[in-house]
Amino acid sequence: MGENCNWPCWKIMNCDASHECAAKSRPDTPCWDIAAELHDYRHALDICKDCIVHMLKADDSILTRQEMEAILTHKANCGMA
C-alpha cells in the first residue's frame, strides 16, 4: 500500500472495543473485501468507496500523505471531545 495508512479500520473509525466486527478477526483483509464476502449492505450499495477507510487505504487513493495525517489527527481529536 506504499504511503497509505496502515492503521486497521476499527482504529481509523474509533470503534468501541466492545463492538463485534468481522474485520477485527482478519486485520490483513481490507474491510471492503470482508463486506463483499458477507454480502453486507455497504458493499451492495457500493458505499465502501466513499468511506474514509477506503480512501486512506486504497492503492489508488487520491489523498496525499499530509491529507491522510490531517484527517486522522482530526478524527483523533474529535474522539477526545
N, C-alpha and C. Protein backbone atom coordinates (compact mmCIF):
# COMPACT_ATOMS: atom_id res chain seq x y z
N MET A 1 0.80 -1.19 0.00
CA MET A 1 0.00 0.00 0.00
C MET A 1 0.84 1.26 0.00
N GLY A 2 2.12 1.13 -0.02
CA GLY A 2 3.00 2.28 -0.15
C GLY A 2 2.82 3.28 0.96
N GLU A 3 2.50 4.52 0.60
CA GLU A 3 2.35 5.62 1.55
C GLU A 3 1.03 5.59 2.30
N ASN A 4 0.16 4.68 1.96
CA ASN A 4 -1.18 4.68 2.53
C ASN A 4 -1.17 4.29 4.00
N CYS A 5 -2.25 4.59 4.66
CA CYS A 5 -2.42 4.35 6.09
C CYS A 5 -2.36 2.86 6.40
N ASN A 6 -1.64 2.49 7.43
CA ASN A 6 -1.56 1.08 7.81
C ASN A 6 -2.36 0.79 9.09
N TRP A 7 -3.14 1.76 9.56
CA TRP A 7 -3.99 1.52 10.72
C TRP A 7 -5.13 0.60 10.34
N PRO A 8 -5.58 -0.25 11.25
CA PRO A 8 -6.77 -1.07 10.96
C PRO A 8 -8.01 -0.17 10.93
N CYS A 9 -9.03 -0.63 10.23
CA CYS A 9 -10.24 0.19 10.04
C CYS A 9 -10.88 0.58 11.36
N TRP A 10 -10.86 -0.32 12.35
CA TRP A 10 -11.52 0.00 13.62
C TRP A 10 -10.80 1.12 14.36
N LYS A 11 -9.51 1.28 14.13
CA LYS A 11 -8.79 2.38 14.76
C LYS A 11 -9.10 3.69 14.01
N ILE A 12 -9.15 3.64 12.70
CA ILE A 12 -9.49 4.81 11.91
C ILE A 12 -10.89 5.32 12.28
N MET A 13 -11.82 4.39 12.44
CA MET A 13 -13.21 4.75 12.72
C MET A 13 -13.49 4.95 14.21
N ASN A 14 -12.48 4.75 15.06
CA ASN A 14 -12.64 4.89 16.51
C ASN A 14 -13.75 3.98 17.03
N CYS A 15 -13.79 2.75 16.57
CA CYS A 15 -14.83 1.81 17.00
C CYS A 15 -14.68 1.48 18.48
N ASP A 16 -15.78 1.31 19.13
CA ASP A 16 -15.83 0.89 20.52
C ASP A 16 -15.21 -0.50 20.62
N ALA A 17 -14.40 -0.73 21.63
CA ALA A 17 -13.73 -2.02 21.79
C ALA A 17 -14.73 -3.17 21.94
N SER A 18 -15.92 -2.89 22.43
CA SER A 18 -16.91 -3.94 22.62
C SER A 18 -17.68 -4.25 21.32
N HIS A 19 -17.49 -3.45 20.30
CA HIS A 19 -18.21 -3.63 19.03
C HIS A 19 -17.73 -4.90 18.32
N GLU A 20 -18.66 -5.78 18.00
CA GLU A 20 -18.34 -7.00 17.27
C GLU A 20 -18.13 -6.66 15.80
N CYS A 21 -17.03 -7.12 15.23
CA CYS A 21 -16.72 -6.78 13.85
C CYS A 21 -15.88 -7.88 13.22
N ALA A 22 -16.28 -8.30 12.03
CA ALA A 22 -15.55 -9.34 11.31
C ALA A 22 -14.14 -8.89 10.94
N ALA A 23 -13.95 -7.60 10.74
CA ALA A 23 -12.64 -7.09 10.34
C ALA A 23 -11.60 -7.26 11.45
N LYS A 24 -12.03 -7.23 12.70
CA LYS A 24 -11.08 -7.37 13.81
C LYS A 24 -10.44 -8.75 13.84
N SER A 25 -11.15 -9.76 13.36
CA SER A 25 -10.58 -11.11 13.35
C SER A 25 -9.73 -11.37 12.11
N ARG A 26 -9.77 -10.43 11.15
CA ARG A 26 -8.99 -10.58 9.91
C ARG A 26 -8.32 -9.25 9.56
N PRO A 27 -7.38 -8.80 10.39
CA PRO A 27 -6.80 -7.47 10.21
C PRO A 27 -6.02 -7.26 8.91
N ASP A 28 -5.61 -8.33 8.25
CA ASP A 28 -4.87 -8.19 7.00
C ASP A 28 -5.77 -8.13 5.77
N THR A 29 -7.08 -8.29 5.98
CA THR A 29 -8.04 -8.25 4.87
C THR A 29 -8.78 -6.92 4.92
N PRO A 30 -8.76 -6.17 3.81
CA PRO A 30 -9.49 -4.89 3.82
C PRO A 30 -10.96 -5.09 4.17
N CYS A 31 -11.49 -4.18 4.97
CA CYS A 31 -12.88 -4.30 5.42
C CYS A 31 -13.85 -4.32 4.25
N TRP A 32 -13.53 -3.63 3.14
CA TRP A 32 -14.43 -3.65 1.99
C TRP A 32 -14.45 -5.02 1.32
N ASP A 33 -13.35 -5.77 1.40
CA ASP A 33 -13.36 -7.15 0.89
C ASP A 33 -14.20 -8.05 1.78
N ILE A 34 -14.12 -7.83 3.09
CA ILE A 34 -14.93 -8.60 4.03
C ILE A 34 -16.41 -8.30 3.80
N ALA A 35 -16.74 -7.02 3.60
CA ALA A 35 -18.14 -6.64 3.33
C ALA A 35 -18.65 -7.34 2.07
N ALA A 36 -17.80 -7.45 1.06
CA ALA A 36 -18.20 -8.13 -0.19
C ALA A 36 -18.45 -9.62 0.07
N GLU A 37 -17.57 -10.25 0.84
CA GLU A 37 -17.73 -11.67 1.15
C GLU A 37 -19.00 -11.95 1.95
N LEU A 38 -19.35 -11.01 2.83
CA LEU A 38 -20.53 -11.18 3.68
C LEU A 38 -21.81 -10.66 3.03
N HIS A 39 -21.69 -10.15 1.82
CA HIS A 39 -22.84 -9.56 1.11
C HIS A 39 -23.48 -8.47 1.97
N ASP A 40 -22.63 -7.70 2.64
CA ASP A 40 -23.06 -6.62 3.51
C ASP A 40 -23.69 -5.50 2.69
N TYR A 41 -24.64 -4.79 3.29
CA TYR A 41 -25.32 -3.71 2.58
C TYR A 41 -24.35 -2.63 2.10
N ARG A 42 -23.24 -2.42 2.82
CA ARG A 42 -22.27 -1.40 2.40
C ARG A 42 -21.68 -1.74 1.04
N HIS A 43 -21.41 -3.02 0.86
CA HIS A 43 -20.88 -3.46 -0.43
C HIS A 43 -21.99 -3.43 -1.49
N ALA A 44 -23.15 -3.90 -1.12
CA ALA A 44 -24.27 -3.95 -2.07
C ALA A 44 -24.64 -2.56 -2.58
N LEU A 45 -24.52 -1.55 -1.72
CA LEU A 45 -24.85 -0.18 -2.11
C LEU A 45 -23.63 0.58 -2.64
N ASP A 46 -22.49 -0.11 -2.71
CA ASP A 46 -21.24 0.45 -3.25
C ASP A 46 -20.83 1.72 -2.49
N ILE A 47 -20.99 1.69 -1.16
CA ILE A 47 -20.61 2.87 -0.39
C ILE A 47 -19.21 2.76 0.22
N CYS A 48 -18.59 1.60 0.13
CA CYS A 48 -17.25 1.45 0.70
C CYS A 48 -16.26 2.42 0.05
N LYS A 49 -16.42 2.67 -1.23
CA LYS A 49 -15.50 3.57 -1.94
C LYS A 49 -15.58 4.99 -1.42
N ASP A 50 -16.68 5.36 -0.78
CA ASP A 50 -16.84 6.70 -0.22
C ASP A 50 -16.42 6.78 1.25
N CYS A 51 -16.07 5.64 1.83
CA CYS A 51 -15.69 5.57 3.23
C CYS A 51 -14.26 6.09 3.43
N ILE A 52 -14.03 6.77 4.54
CA ILE A 52 -12.70 7.31 4.84
C ILE A 52 -11.66 6.20 4.93
N VAL A 53 -12.05 5.03 5.40
CA VAL A 53 -11.11 3.92 5.49
C VAL A 53 -10.62 3.53 4.09
N HIS A 54 -11.55 3.40 3.17
CA HIS A 54 -11.18 3.05 1.79
C HIS A 54 -10.30 4.12 1.18
N MET A 55 -10.64 5.39 1.41
CA MET A 55 -9.84 6.48 0.84
C MET A 55 -8.42 6.49 1.40
N LEU A 56 -8.28 6.14 2.67
CA LEU A 56 -6.96 6.14 3.30
C LEU A 56 -6.12 4.92 2.91
N LYS A 57 -6.77 3.79 2.67
CA LYS A 57 -6.04 2.54 2.46
C LYS A 57 -5.97 2.06 1.01
N ALA A 58 -6.80 2.57 0.14
CA ALA A 58 -6.84 2.09 -1.24
C ALA A 58 -5.53 2.38 -1.97
N ASP A 59 -5.14 1.45 -2.84
CA ASP A 59 -3.92 1.62 -3.63
C ASP A 59 -3.98 2.86 -4.51
N ASP A 60 -5.16 3.23 -4.93
CA ASP A 60 -5.32 4.37 -5.83
C ASP A 60 -5.89 5.60 -5.12
N SER A 61 -5.55 5.78 -3.85
CA SER A 61 -6.07 6.88 -3.07
C SER A 61 -5.69 8.22 -3.70
N ILE A 62 -6.65 9.13 -3.70
CA ILE A 62 -6.39 10.46 -4.24
C ILE A 62 -5.86 11.40 -3.17
N LEU A 63 -5.79 10.91 -1.93
CA LEU A 63 -5.31 11.73 -0.82
C LEU A 63 -3.79 11.67 -0.71
N THR A 64 -3.18 12.80 -0.39
CA THR A 64 -1.75 12.82 -0.14
C THR A 64 -1.48 12.34 1.29
N ARG A 65 -0.25 12.04 1.58
CA ARG A 65 0.13 11.62 2.92
C ARG A 65 -0.25 12.70 3.94
N GLN A 66 -0.01 13.97 3.60
CA GLN A 66 -0.34 15.08 4.50
C GLN A 66 -1.84 15.15 4.76
N GLU A 67 -2.63 14.95 3.72
CA GLU A 67 -4.08 14.98 3.89
C GLU A 67 -4.55 13.83 4.77
N MET A 68 -3.94 12.65 4.59
CA MET A 68 -4.28 11.49 5.42
C MET A 68 -3.98 11.78 6.89
N GLU A 69 -2.79 12.31 7.14
CA GLU A 69 -2.40 12.60 8.52
C GLU A 69 -3.32 13.65 9.15
N ALA A 70 -3.71 14.66 8.37
CA ALA A 70 -4.62 15.69 8.88
C ALA A 70 -5.97 15.10 9.24
N ILE A 71 -6.49 14.21 8.40
CA ILE A 71 -7.78 13.57 8.67
C ILE A 71 -7.70 12.72 9.93
N LEU A 72 -6.65 11.91 10.04
CA LEU A 72 -6.51 11.04 11.21
C LEU A 72 -6.32 11.86 12.49
N THR A 73 -5.57 12.94 12.41
CA THR A 73 -5.38 13.81 13.57
C THR A 73 -6.71 14.43 13.99
N HIS A 74 -7.47 14.89 13.00
CA HIS A 74 -8.78 15.49 13.30
C HIS A 74 -9.71 14.47 13.92
N LYS A 75 -9.74 13.25 13.37
CA LYS A 75 -10.60 12.19 13.93
C LYS A 75 -10.20 11.89 15.36
N ALA A 76 -8.89 11.82 15.63
CA ALA A 76 -8.43 11.51 16.98
C ALA A 76 -8.86 12.62 17.94
N ASN A 77 -8.74 13.86 17.52
CA ASN A 77 -9.13 14.99 18.37
C ASN A 77 -10.64 15.01 18.59
N CYS A 78 -11.41 14.63 17.59
CA CYS A 78 -12.86 14.59 17.74
C CYS A 78 -13.26 13.51 18.74
N GLY A 79 -12.52 12.41 18.76
CA GLY A 79 -12.81 11.32 19.68
C GLY A 79 -12.55 11.68 21.12
N MET A 80 -11.69 12.68 21.33
CA MET A 80 -11.34 13.09 22.70
C MET A 80 -12.33 14.09 23.28
N ALA A 81 -13.13 14.69 22.43
CA ALA A 81 -14.04 15.75 22.89
C ALA A 81 -15.16 15.20 23.73
